[in-house]
Amino acid sequence: MMRRPIYTVRMIQQDPNYVYSKRLIYIDAEMFYTTHNFSYDQKGRLYRGQYTPMSFLEESGVMIGAGILMSLRDHVDFHSSLLINYTMPVFWDRGQYSMRNMSKYGK
C-alpha cells in the first residue's frame, strides 16, 4: 500500500433524532475516491465503518476495486459484509476517456 494525500471530512449531524451524530470520511486528494467512511451514533460510539481498497490502471486512467470493493463493519450489531468486485481488462487508452469522446459517441 502506498501513502497518498488524503482529505479528511468531518460532518456533524444537526438533527438529534438522526441515527448518526457525526461521520468521518477520508478522500484521496488526487483521485477523489472515498477510502474510509466512519459513522458514529448519538452517544459518540463507532457505529459503522467502511473501507474501500482501490487500484489505478495507468494505461487507461481508471480506478478499479482491488479485489474487494468494500469491507463494511457494523460495530453495534457485530456483523460484517464484503462486496466483491470483479474487474476485466480493457484495451482502451486514456485518450478515449474524455468528455469530448463521450459527447461524440454517446447517444
PDB file of N, CA and C in Angstrom:
ATOM      1  N   MET A   1       0.843  -1.170   0.000  1.00  0.00           N
ATOM      2  CA  MET A   1       0.000   0.000   0.000  1.00  0.00           C
ATOM      3  C   MET A   1       0.890   1.236   0.000  1.00  0.00           C
ATOM      4  N   MET A   2       0.512   2.219  -0.752  1.00  0.00           N
ATOM      5  CA  MET A   2       1.302   3.421  -0.900  1.00  0.00           C
ATOM      6  C   MET A   2       0.672   4.592  -0.149  1.00  0.00           C
ATOM      7  N   ARG A   3       1.487   5.395   0.500  1.00  0.00           N
ATOM      8  CA  ARG A   3       0.960   6.592   1.165  1.00  0.00           C
ATOM      9  C   ARG A   3       0.474   7.580   0.117  1.00  0.00           C
ATOM     10  N   ARG A   4      -0.673   8.177   0.392  1.00  0.00           N
ATOM     11  CA  ARG A   4      -1.260   9.125  -0.545  1.00  0.00           C
ATOM     12  C   ARG A   4      -1.815  10.308   0.240  1.00  0.00           C
ATOM     13  N   PRO A   5      -1.881  11.478  -0.400  1.00  0.00           N
ATOM     14  CA  PRO A   5      -2.500  12.623   0.285  1.00  0.00           C
ATOM     15  C   PRO A   5      -4.003  12.382   0.445  1.00  0.00           C
ATOM     16  N   ILE A   6      -4.518  12.679   1.621  1.00  0.00           N
ATOM     17  CA  ILE A   6      -5.919  12.385   1.963  1.00  0.00           C
ATOM     18  C   ILE A   6      -6.599  13.637   2.504  1.00  0.00           C
ATOM     19  N   TYR A   7      -7.827  13.869   2.061  1.00  0.00           N
ATOM     20  CA  TYR A   7      -8.688  14.877   2.684  1.00  0.00           C
ATOM     21  C   TYR A   7      -9.490  14.185   3.779  1.00  0.00           C
ATOM     22  N   THR A   8      -9.641  14.846   4.907  1.00  0.00           N
ATOM     23  CA  THR A   8     -10.495  14.338   5.975  1.00  0.00           C
ATOM     24  C   THR A   8     -11.691  15.267   6.097  1.00  0.00           C
ATOM     25  N   VAL A   9     -12.882  14.710   5.933  1.00  0.00           N
ATOM     26  CA  VAL A   9     -14.115  15.480   6.023  1.00  0.00           C
ATOM     27  C   VAL A   9     -14.860  15.019   7.271  1.00  0.00           C
ATOM     28  N   ARG A  10     -15.143  15.954   8.176  1.00  0.00           N
ATOM     29  CA  ARG A  10     -15.890  15.639   9.393  1.00  0.00           C
ATOM     30  C   ARG A  10     -17.246  16.324   9.288  1.00  0.00           C
ATOM     31  N   MET A  11     -18.305  15.531   9.347  1.00  0.00           N
ATOM     32  CA  MET A  11     -19.657  16.061   9.239  1.00  0.00           C
ATOM     33  C   MET A  11     -20.380  15.839  10.556  1.00  0.00           C
ATOM     34  N   ILE A  12     -20.925  16.897  11.127  1.00  0.00           N
ATOM     35  CA  ILE A  12     -21.676  16.838  12.382  1.00  0.00           C
ATOM     36  C   ILE A  12     -23.158  16.947  12.042  1.00  0.00           C
ATOM     37  N   GLN A  13     -23.938  15.997  12.527  1.00  0.00           N
ATOM     38  CA  GLN A  13     -25.386  15.997  12.277  1.00  0.00           C
ATOM     39  C   GLN A  13     -26.065  17.010  13.192  1.00  0.00           C
ATOM     40  N   GLN A  14     -26.896  17.842  12.618  1.00  0.00           N
ATOM     41  CA  GLN A  14     -27.611  18.864  13.382  1.00  0.00           C
ATOM     42  C   GLN A  14     -28.922  18.351  13.969  1.00  0.00           C
ATOM     43  N   ASP A  15     -29.481  17.302  13.381  1.00  0.00           N
ATOM     44  CA  ASP A  15     -30.750  16.735  13.854  1.00  0.00           C
ATOM     45  C   ASP A  15     -30.462  15.685  14.928  1.00  0.00           C
ATOM     46  N   PRO A  16     -30.856  15.899  16.190  1.00  0.00           N
ATOM     47  CA  PRO A  16     -30.555  14.932  17.255  1.00  0.00           C
ATOM     48  C   PRO A  16     -31.331  13.620  17.112  1.00  0.00           C
ATOM     49  N   ASN A  17     -32.329  13.561  16.245  1.00  0.00           N
ATOM     50  CA  ASN A  17     -33.107  12.338  16.046  1.00  0.00           C
ATOM     51  C   ASN A  17     -32.527  11.426  14.972  1.00  0.00           C
ATOM     52  N   TYR A  18     -31.521  11.907  14.248  1.00  0.00           N
ATOM     53  CA  TYR A  18     -30.908  11.100  13.195  1.00  0.00           C
ATOM     54  C   TYR A  18     -30.027  10.031  13.828  1.00  0.00           C
ATOM     55  N   VAL A  19     -29.882   8.892  13.182  1.00  0.00           N
ATOM     56  CA  VAL A  19     -29.148   7.763  13.761  1.00  0.00           C
ATOM     57  C   VAL A  19     -27.672   8.079  13.975  1.00  0.00           C
ATOM     58  N   TYR A  20     -27.048   8.867  13.113  1.00  0.00           N
ATOM     59  CA  TYR A  20     -25.631   9.205  13.265  1.00  0.00           C
ATOM     60  C   TYR A  20     -25.478  10.591  13.883  1.00  0.00           C
ATOM     61  N   SER A  21     -24.465  10.748  14.740  1.00  0.00           N
ATOM     62  CA  SER A  21     -24.160  12.073  15.288  1.00  0.00           C
ATOM     63  C   SER A  21     -23.087  12.762  14.468  1.00  0.00           C
ATOM     64  N   LYS A  22     -22.149  11.971  13.917  1.00  0.00           N
ATOM     65  CA  LYS A  22     -21.114  12.532  13.060  1.00  0.00           C
ATOM     66  C   LYS A  22     -20.597  11.446  12.140  1.00  0.00           C
ATOM     67  N   ARG A  23     -19.945  11.894  11.063  1.00  0.00           N
ATOM     68  CA  ARG A  23     -19.317  10.979  10.115  1.00  0.00           C
ATOM     69  C   ARG A  23     -17.936  11.516   9.764  1.00  0.00           C
ATOM     70  N   LEU A  24     -16.974  10.621   9.658  1.00  0.00           N
ATOM     71  CA  LEU A  24     -15.635  10.953   9.195  1.00  0.00           C
ATOM     72  C   LEU A  24     -15.414  10.253   7.865  1.00  0.00           C
ATOM     73  N   ILE A  25     -15.072  11.024   6.861  1.00  0.00           N
ATOM     74  CA  ILE A  25     -14.849  10.471   5.531  1.00  0.00           C
ATOM     75  C   ILE A  25     -13.443  10.842   5.097  1.00  0.00           C
ATOM     76  N   TYR A  26     -12.697   9.864   4.625  1.00  0.00           N
ATOM     77  CA  TYR A  26     -11.345  10.077   4.132  1.00  0.00           C
ATOM     78  C   TYR A  26     -11.361   9.923   2.618  1.00  0.00           C
ATOM     79  N   ILE A  27     -10.918  10.964   1.918  1.00  0.00           N
ATOM     80  CA  ILE A  27     -10.992  11.020   0.462  1.00  0.00           C
ATOM     81  C   ILE A  27      -9.595  11.191  -0.102  1.00  0.00           C
ATOM     82  N   ASP A  28      -9.243  10.367  -1.085  1.00  0.00           N
ATOM     83  CA  ASP A  28      -7.965  10.502  -1.763  1.00  0.00           C
ATOM     84  C   ASP A  28      -7.914  11.866  -2.453  1.00  0.00           C
ATOM     85  N   ALA A  29      -6.896  12.664  -2.147  1.00  0.00           N
ATOM     86  CA  ALA A  29      -6.827  14.045  -2.636  1.00  0.00           C
ATOM     87  C   ALA A  29      -6.547  14.138  -4.128  1.00  0.00           C
ATOM     88  N   GLU A  30      -5.962  13.125  -4.721  1.00  0.00           N
ATOM     89  CA  GLU A  30      -5.647  13.174  -6.143  1.00  0.00           C
ATOM     90  C   GLU A  30      -6.733  12.544  -7.007  1.00  0.00           C
ATOM     91  N   MET A  31      -7.300  11.423  -6.547  1.00  0.00           N
ATOM     92  CA  MET A  31      -8.270  10.689  -7.363  1.00  0.00           C
ATOM     93  C   MET A  31      -9.711  10.901  -6.921  1.00  0.00           C
ATOM     94  N   PHE A  32      -9.930  11.531  -5.762  1.00  0.00           N
ATOM     95  CA  PHE A  32     -11.254  11.861  -5.232  1.00  0.00           C
ATOM     96  C   PHE A  32     -12.158  10.640  -5.058  1.00  0.00           C
ATOM     97  N   TYR A  33     -11.615   9.565  -4.528  1.00  0.00           N
ATOM     98  CA  TYR A  33     -12.447   8.430  -4.157  1.00  0.00           C
ATOM     99  C   TYR A  33     -12.380   8.258  -2.641  1.00  0.00           C
ATOM    100  N   THR A  34     -13.444   7.746  -2.079  1.00  0.00           N
ATOM    101  CA  THR A  34     -13.538   7.562  -0.635  1.00  0.00           C
ATOM    102  C   THR A  34     -12.789   6.304  -0.236  1.00  0.00           C
ATOM    103  N   THR A  35     -11.805   6.448   0.658  1.00  0.00           N
ATOM    104  CA  THR A  35     -11.058   5.282   1.122  1.00  0.00           C
ATOM    105  C   THR A  35     -11.674   4.693   2.390  1.00  0.00           C
ATOM    106  N   HIS A  36     -12.087   5.556   3.322  1.00  0.00           N
ATOM    107  CA  HIS A  36     -12.684   5.123   4.588  1.00  0.00           C
ATOM    108  C   HIS A  36     -13.888   6.015   4.896  1.00  0.00           C
ATOM    109  N   ASN A  37     -14.839   5.424   5.594  1.00  0.00           N
ATOM    110  CA  ASN A  37     -16.038   6.152   5.996  1.00  0.00           C
ATOM    111  C   ASN A  37     -16.443   5.594   7.362  1.00  0.00           C
ATOM    112  N   PHE A  38     -16.432   6.453   8.390  1.00  0.00           N
ATOM    113  CA  PHE A  38     -16.793   6.021   9.743  1.00  0.00           C
ATOM    114  C   PHE A  38     -17.995   6.817  10.222  1.00  0.00           C
ATOM    115  N   SER A  39     -19.012   6.123  10.716  1.00  0.00           N
ATOM    116  CA  SER A  39     -20.232   6.752  11.220  1.00  0.00           C
ATOM    117  C   SER A  39     -20.354   6.470  12.710  1.00  0.00           C
ATOM    118  N   TYR A  40     -20.715   7.500  13.479  1.00  0.00           N
ATOM    119  CA  TYR A  40     -20.826   7.401  14.936  1.00  0.00           C
ATOM    120  C   TYR A  40     -22.272   7.616  15.355  1.00  0.00           C
ATOM    121  N   ASP A  41     -22.726   6.867  16.369  1.00  0.00           N
ATOM    122  CA  ASP A  41     -24.106   7.009  16.839  1.00  0.00           C
ATOM    123  C   ASP A  41     -24.249   8.262  17.698  1.00  0.00           C
ATOM    124  N   GLN A  42     -25.452   8.491  18.227  1.00  0.00           N
ATOM    125  CA  GLN A  42     -25.728   9.703  19.003  1.00  0.00           C
ATOM    126  C   GLN A  42     -24.975   9.744  20.334  1.00  0.00           C
ATOM    127  N   LYS A  43     -24.463   8.615  20.799  1.00  0.00           N
ATOM    128  CA  LYS A  43     -23.668   8.589  22.031  1.00  0.00           C
ATOM    129  C   LYS A  43     -22.175   8.731  21.752  1.00  0.00           C
ATOM    130  N   GLY A  44     -21.805   8.917  20.480  1.00  0.00           N
ATOM    131  CA  GLY A  44     -20.406   9.091  20.114  1.00  0.00           C
ATOM    132  C   GLY A  44     -19.643   7.801  19.895  1.00  0.00           C
ATOM    133  N   ARG A  45     -20.332   6.649  19.877  1.00  0.00           N
ATOM    134  CA  ARG A  45     -19.684   5.360  19.663  1.00  0.00           C
ATOM    135  C   ARG A  45     -19.588   5.065  18.170  1.00  0.00           C
ATOM    136  N   LEU A  46     -18.510   4.406  17.778  1.00  0.00           N
ATOM    137  CA  LEU A  46     -18.377   3.987  16.384  1.00  0.00           C
ATOM    138  C   LEU A  46     -19.501   3.032  16.046  1.00  0.00           C
ATOM    139  N   TYR A  47     -20.278   3.359  15.017  1.00  0.00           N
ATOM    140  CA  TYR A  47     -21.445   2.562  14.649  1.00  0.00           C
ATOM    141  C   TYR A  47     -21.155   1.706  13.416  1.00  0.00           C
ATOM    142  N   ARG A  48     -20.684   2.350  12.341  1.00  0.00           N
ATOM    143  CA  ARG A  48     -20.384   1.618  11.113  1.00  0.00           C
ATOM    144  C   ARG A  48     -19.091   2.128  10.500  1.00  0.00           C
ATOM    145  N   GLY A  49     -18.364   1.221   9.889  1.00  0.00           N
ATOM    146  CA  GLY A  49     -17.138   1.587   9.204  1.00  0.00           C
ATOM    147  C   GLY A  49     -17.098   0.967   7.826  1.00  0.00           C
ATOM    148  N   GLN A  50     -16.438   1.645   6.913  1.00  0.00           N
ATOM    149  CA  GLN A  50     -16.324   1.165   5.535  1.00  0.00           C
ATOM    150  C   GLN A  50     -14.897   1.395   5.064  1.00  0.00           C
ATOM    151  N   TYR A  51     -14.327   0.402   4.405  1.00  0.00           N
ATOM    152  CA  TYR A  51     -13.002   0.513   3.821  1.00  0.00           C
ATOM    153  C   TYR A  51     -13.097   0.088   2.364  1.00  0.00           C
ATOM    154  N   THR A  52     -12.564   0.905   1.459  1.00  0.00           N
ATOM    155  CA  THR A  52     -12.635   0.627   0.035  1.00  0.00           C
ATOM    156  C   THR A  52     -11.227   0.652  -0.562  1.00  0.00           C
ATOM    157  N   PRO A  53     -10.580  -0.499  -0.734  1.00  0.00           N
ATOM    158  CA  PRO A  53      -9.267  -0.502  -1.378  1.00  0.00           C
ATOM    159  C   PRO A  53      -9.421  -0.325  -2.879  1.00  0.00           C
ATOM    160  N   MET A  54      -8.575   0.500  -3.467  1.00  0.00           N
ATOM    161  CA  MET A  54      -8.658   0.772  -4.900  1.00  0.00           C
ATOM    162  C   MET A  54      -7.279   0.657  -5.537  1.00  0.00           C
ATOM    163  N   SER A  55      -7.261   0.434  -6.833  1.00  0.00           N
ATOM    164  CA  SER A  55      -6.040   0.417  -7.633  1.00  0.00           C
ATOM    165  C   SER A  55      -6.234   1.350  -8.814  1.00  0.00           C
ATOM    166  N   PHE A  56      -5.124   1.775  -9.397  1.00  0.00           N
ATOM    167  CA  PHE A  56      -5.162   2.691 -10.521  1.00  0.00           C
ATOM    168  C   PHE A  56      -4.490   2.034 -11.717  1.00  0.00           C
ATOM    169  N   LEU A  57      -5.188   1.968 -12.850  1.00  0.00           N
ATOM    170  CA  LEU A  57      -4.621   1.437 -14.078  1.00  0.00           C
ATOM    171  C   LEU A  57      -4.077   2.609 -14.898  1.00  0.00           C
ATOM    172  N   GLU A  58      -2.756   2.745 -14.946  1.00  0.00           N
ATOM    173  CA  GLU A  58      -2.152   3.895 -15.618  1.00  0.00           C
ATOM    174  C   GLU A  58      -2.465   3.941 -17.102  1.00  0.00           C
ATOM    175  N   GLU A  59      -2.468   2.777 -17.762  1.00  0.00           N
ATOM    176  CA  GLU A  59      -2.659   2.770 -19.217  1.00  0.00           C
ATOM    177  C   GLU A  59      -4.040   3.263 -19.637  1.00  0.00           C
ATOM    178  N   SER A  60      -5.048   3.058 -18.797  1.00  0.00           N
ATOM    179  CA  SER A  60      -6.395   3.516 -19.146  1.00  0.00           C
ATOM    180  C   SER A  60      -6.858   4.690 -18.294  1.00  0.00           C
ATOM    181  N   GLY A  61      -6.157   4.971 -17.189  1.00  0.00           N
ATOM    182  CA  GLY A  61      -6.538   6.089 -16.327  1.00  0.00           C
ATOM    183  C   GLY A  61      -7.789   5.824 -15.520  1.00  0.00           C
ATOM    184  N   VAL A  62      -8.037   4.573 -15.152  1.00  0.00           N
ATOM    185  CA  VAL A  62      -9.270   4.182 -14.480  1.00  0.00           C
ATOM    186  C   VAL A  62      -8.957   3.650 -13.091  1.00  0.00           C
ATOM    187  N   MET A  63      -9.799   4.018 -12.100  1.00  0.00           N
ATOM    188  CA  MET A  63      -9.717   3.453 -10.759  1.00  0.00           C
ATOM    189  C   MET A  63     -10.547   2.179 -10.725  1.00  0.00           C
ATOM    190  N   ILE A  64      -9.998   1.126 -10.129  1.00  0.00           N
ATOM    191  CA  ILE A  64     -10.742  -0.130 -10.001  1.00  0.00           C
ATOM    192  C   ILE A  64     -10.646  -0.616  -8.570  1.00  0.00           C
ATOM    193  N   GLY A  65     -11.604  -1.397  -8.157  1.00  0.00           N
ATOM    194  CA  GLY A  65     -11.552  -2.025  -6.850  1.00  0.00           C
ATOM    195  C   GLY A  65     -10.457  -3.074  -6.830  1.00  0.00           C
ATOM    196  N   ALA A  66      -9.719  -3.149  -5.755  1.00  0.00           N
ATOM    197  CA  ALA A  66      -8.595  -4.077  -5.658  1.00  0.00           C
ATOM    198  C   ALA A  66      -9.047  -5.392  -5.031  1.00  0.00           C
ATOM    199  N   GLY A  67      -9.794  -6.178  -5.771  1.00  0.00           N
ATOM    200  CA  GLY A  67     -10.245  -7.472  -5.274  1.00  0.00           C
ATOM    201  C   GLY A  67     -11.525  -7.353  -4.466  1.00  0.00           C
ATOM    202  N   ILE A  68     -11.483  -6.637  -3.357  1.00  0.00           N
ATOM    203  CA  ILE A  68     -12.681  -6.414  -2.547  1.00  0.00           C
ATOM    204  C   ILE A  68     -13.097  -4.976  -2.752  1.00  0.00           C
ATOM    205  N   LEU A  69     -14.297  -4.771  -3.214  1.00  0.00           N
ATOM    206  CA  LEU A  69     -14.767  -3.423  -3.476  1.00  0.00           C
ATOM    207  C   LEU A  69     -14.982  -2.667  -2.178  1.00  0.00           C
ATOM    208  N   MET A  70     -15.626  -3.295  -1.206  1.00  0.00           N
ATOM    209  CA  MET A  70     -15.868  -2.635   0.072  1.00  0.00           C
ATOM    210  C   MET A  70     -15.897  -3.653   1.199  1.00  0.00           C
ATOM    211  N   SER A  71     -15.376  -3.243   2.321  1.00  0.00           N
ATOM    212  CA  SER A  71     -15.478  -4.011   3.548  1.00  0.00           C
ATOM    213  C   SER A  71     -16.309  -3.175   4.513  1.00  0.00           C
ATOM    214  N   LEU A  72     -17.477  -3.689   4.886  1.00  0.00           N
ATOM    215  CA  LEU A  72     -18.408  -2.970   5.742  1.00  0.00           C
ATOM    216  C   LEU A  72     -18.462  -3.650   7.104  1.00  0.00           C
ATOM    217  N   ARG A  73     -18.380  -2.858   8.168  1.00  0.00           N
ATOM    218  CA  ARG A  73     -18.394  -3.425   9.525  1.00  0.00           C
ATOM    219  C   ARG A  73     -19.387  -2.664  10.377  1.00  0.00           C
ATOM    220  N   ASP A  74     -20.327  -3.376  10.963  1.00  0.00           N
ATOM    221  CA  ASP A  74     -21.291  -2.799  11.886  1.00  0.00           C
ATOM    222  C   ASP A  74     -20.774  -3.064  13.289  1.00  0.00           C
ATOM    223  N   HIS A  75     -20.416  -2.011  14.027  1.00  0.00           N
ATOM    224  CA  HIS A  75     -19.799  -2.157  15.346  1.00  0.00           C
ATOM    225  C   HIS A  75     -20.820  -2.238  16.482  1.00  0.00           C
ATOM    226  N   VAL A  76     -22.089  -2.062  16.174  1.00  0.00           N
ATOM    227  CA  VAL A  76     -23.133  -2.163  17.194  1.00  0.00           C
ATOM    228  C   VAL A  76     -23.785  -3.544  17.132  1.00  0.00           C
ATOM    229  N   ASP A  77     -24.192  -3.954  15.942  1.00  0.00           N
ATOM    230  CA  ASP A  77     -24.831  -5.261  15.770  1.00  0.00           C
ATOM    231  C   ASP A  77     -23.828  -6.388  15.529  1.00  0.00           C
ATOM    232  N   PHE A  78     -22.546  -6.044  15.438  1.00  0.00           N
ATOM    233  CA  PHE A  78     -21.458  -7.006  15.293  1.00  0.00           C
ATOM    234  C   PHE A  78     -21.626  -7.934  14.099  1.00  0.00           C
ATOM    235  N   HIS A  79     -21.748  -7.348  12.936  1.00  0.00           N
ATOM    236  CA  HIS A  79     -21.710  -8.145  11.720  1.00  0.00           C
ATOM    237  C   HIS A  79     -20.932  -7.379  10.648  1.00  0.00           C
ATOM    238  N   SER A  80     -20.455  -8.107   9.658  1.00  0.00           N
ATOM    239  CA  SER A  80     -19.656  -7.524   8.590  1.00  0.00           C
ATOM    240  C   SER A  80     -20.195  -7.981   7.253  1.00  0.00           C
ATOM    241  N   SER A  81     -19.866  -7.208   6.220  1.00  0.00           N
ATOM    242  CA  SER A  81     -20.219  -7.564   4.857  1.00  0.00           C
ATOM    243  C   SER A  81     -19.032  -7.262   3.959  1.00  0.00           C
ATOM    244  N   LEU A  82     -18.851  -8.080   2.953  1.00  0.00           N
ATOM    245  CA  LEU A  82     -17.845  -7.843   1.935  1.00  0.00           C
ATOM    246  C   LEU A  82     -18.538  -7.772   0.593  1.00  0.00           C
ATOM    247  N   LEU A  83     -18.242  -6.747  -0.170  1.00  0.00           N
ATOM    248  CA  LEU A  83     -18.756  -6.643  -1.529  1.00  0.00           C
ATOM    249  C   LEU A  83     -17.604  -6.969  -2.463  1.00  0.00           C
ATOM    250  N   ILE A  84     -17.743  -8.017  -3.240  1.00  0.00           N
ATOM    251  CA  ILE A  84     -16.660  -8.493  -4.094  1.00  0.00           C
ATOM    252  C   ILE A  84     -16.746  -7.810  -5.461  1.00  0.00           C
ATOM    253  N   ASN A  85     -15.598  -7.366  -5.933  1.00  0.00           N
ATOM    254  CA  ASN A  85     -15.504  -6.702  -7.222  1.00  0.00           C
ATOM    255  C   ASN A  85     -14.803  -7.610  -8.215  1.00  0.00           C
ATOM    256  N   TYR A  86     -15.324  -7.673  -9.402  1.00  0.00           N
ATOM    257  CA  TYR A  86     -14.671  -8.424 -10.472  1.00  0.00           C
ATOM    258  C   TYR A  86     -14.348  -7.442 -11.580  1.00  0.00           C
ATOM    259  N   THR A  87     -13.082  -7.331 -11.929  1.00  0.00           N
ATOM    260  CA  THR A  87     -12.649  -6.368 -12.936  1.00  0.00           C
ATOM    261  C   THR A  87     -12.048  -7.106 -14.118  1.00  0.00           C
ATOM    262  N   MET A  88     -12.469  -6.716 -15.317  1.00  0.00           N
ATOM    263  CA  MET A  88     -11.921  -7.297 -16.535  1.00  0.00           C
ATOM    264  C   MET A  88     -11.042  -6.259 -17.221  1.00  0.00           C
ATOM    265  N   PRO A  89      -9.917  -6.674 -17.807  1.00  0.00           N
ATOM    266  CA  PRO A  89      -9.067  -5.701 -18.501  1.00  0.00           C
ATOM    267  C   PRO A  89      -9.735  -5.191 -19.770  1.00  0.00           C
ATOM    268  N   VAL A  90      -9.444  -3.959 -20.103  1.00  0.00           N
ATOM    269  CA  VAL A  90      -9.956  -3.363 -21.334  1.00  0.00           C
ATOM    270  C   VAL A  90      -8.768  -2.925 -22.188  1.00  0.00           C
ATOM    271  N   PHE A  91      -9.025  -2.658 -23.433  1.00  0.00           N
ATOM    272  CA  PHE A  91      -7.951  -2.316 -24.358  1.00  0.00           C
ATOM    273  C   PHE A  91      -8.080  -0.889 -24.864  1.00  0.00           C
ATOM    274  N   TRP A  92      -8.644  -0.014 -24.032  1.00  0.00           N
ATOM    275  CA  TRP A  92      -8.761   1.385 -24.368  1.00  0.00           C
ATOM    276  C   TRP A  92      -7.587   2.143 -23.779  1.00  0.00           C
ATOM    277  N   ASP A  93      -7.277   3.275 -24.355  1.00  0.00           N
ATOM    278  CA  ASP A  93      -6.230   4.096 -23.757  1.00  0.00           C
ATOM    279  C   ASP A  93      -6.862   5.314 -23.088  1.00  0.00           C
ATOM    280  N   ARG A  94      -6.034   6.126 -22.427  1.00  0.00           N
ATOM    281  CA  ARG A  94      -6.543   7.262 -21.655  1.00  0.00           C
ATOM    282  C   ARG A  94      -7.240   8.304 -22.526  1.00  0.00           C
ATOM    283  N   GLY A  95      -6.822   8.434 -23.759  1.00  0.00           N
ATOM    284  CA  GLY A  95      -7.431   9.423 -24.654  1.00  0.00           C
ATOM    285  C   GLY A  95      -8.894   9.144 -24.951  1.00  0.00           C
ATOM    286  N   GLN A  96      -9.317   7.903 -24.795  1.00  0.00           N
ATOM    287  CA  GLN A  96     -10.713   7.562 -25.069  1.00  0.00           C
ATOM    288  C   GLN A  96     -11.631   7.867 -23.893  1.00  0.00           C
ATOM    289  N   TYR A  97     -11.061   8.187 -22.709  1.00  0.00           N
ATOM    290  CA  TYR A  97     -11.857   8.570 -21.544  1.00  0.00           C
ATOM    291  C   TYR A  97     -11.861  10.089 -21.453  1.00  0.00           C
ATOM    292  N   SER A  98     -12.734  10.720 -22.195  1.00  0.00           N
ATOM    293  CA  SER A  98     -12.808  12.178 -22.170  1.00  0.00           C
ATOM    294  C   SER A  98     -14.249  12.599 -22.401  1.00  0.00           C
ATOM    295  N   MET A  99     -14.570  13.813 -21.972  1.00  0.00           N
ATOM    296  CA  MET A  99     -15.915  14.346 -22.211  1.00  0.00           C
ATOM    297  C   MET A  99     -16.159  14.516 -23.709  1.00  0.00           C
ATOM    298  N   ARG A 100     -15.125  14.845 -24.451  1.00  0.00           N
ATOM    299  CA  ARG A 100     -15.269  15.017 -25.903  1.00  0.00           C
ATOM    300  C   ARG A 100     -15.712  13.708 -26.555  1.00  0.00           C
ATOM    301  N   ASN A 101     -15.070  12.591 -26.200  1.00  0.00           N
ATOM    302  CA  ASN A 101     -15.449  11.301 -26.778  1.00  0.00           C
ATOM    303  C   ASN A 101     -16.826  10.846 -26.296  1.00  0.00           C
ATOM    304  N   MET A 102     -17.140  11.093 -25.026  1.00  0.00           N
ATOM    305  CA  MET A 102     -18.462  10.685 -24.545  1.00  0.00           C
ATOM    306  C   MET A 102     -19.564  11.451 -25.254  1.00  0.00           C
ATOM    307  N   SER A 103     -19.366  12.750 -25.497  1.00  0.00           N
ATOM    308  CA  SER A 103     -20.399  13.512 -26.206  1.00  0.00           C
ATOM    309  C   SER A 103     -20.423  13.176 -27.683  1.00  0.00           C
ATOM    310  N   LYS A 104     -19.276  12.754 -28.229  1.00  0.00           N
ATOM    311  CA  LYS A 104     -19.210  12.419 -29.648  1.00  0.00           C
ATOM    312  C   LYS A 104     -19.869  11.073 -29.934  1.00  0.00           C
ATOM    313  N   TYR A 105     -19.572  10.060 -29.098  1.00  0.00           N
ATOM    314  CA  TYR A 105     -20.039   8.694 -29.373  1.00  0.00           C
ATOM    315  C   TYR A 105     -21.246   8.286 -28.530  1.00  0.00           C
ATOM    316  N   GLY A 106     -21.494   8.968 -27.432  1.00  0.00           N
ATOM    317  CA  GLY A 106     -22.621   8.605 -26.571  1.00  0.00           C
ATOM    318  C   GLY A 106     -23.946   9.077 -27.163  1.00  0.00           C
ATOM    319  N   LYS A 107     -24.925   8.254 -27.096  1.00  0.00           N
ATOM    320  CA  LYS A 107     -26.259   8.608 -27.624  1.00  0.00           C
ATOM    321  C   LYS A 107     -27.289   8.445 -26.533  1.00  0.00           C
TER     322      LYS A 107
END
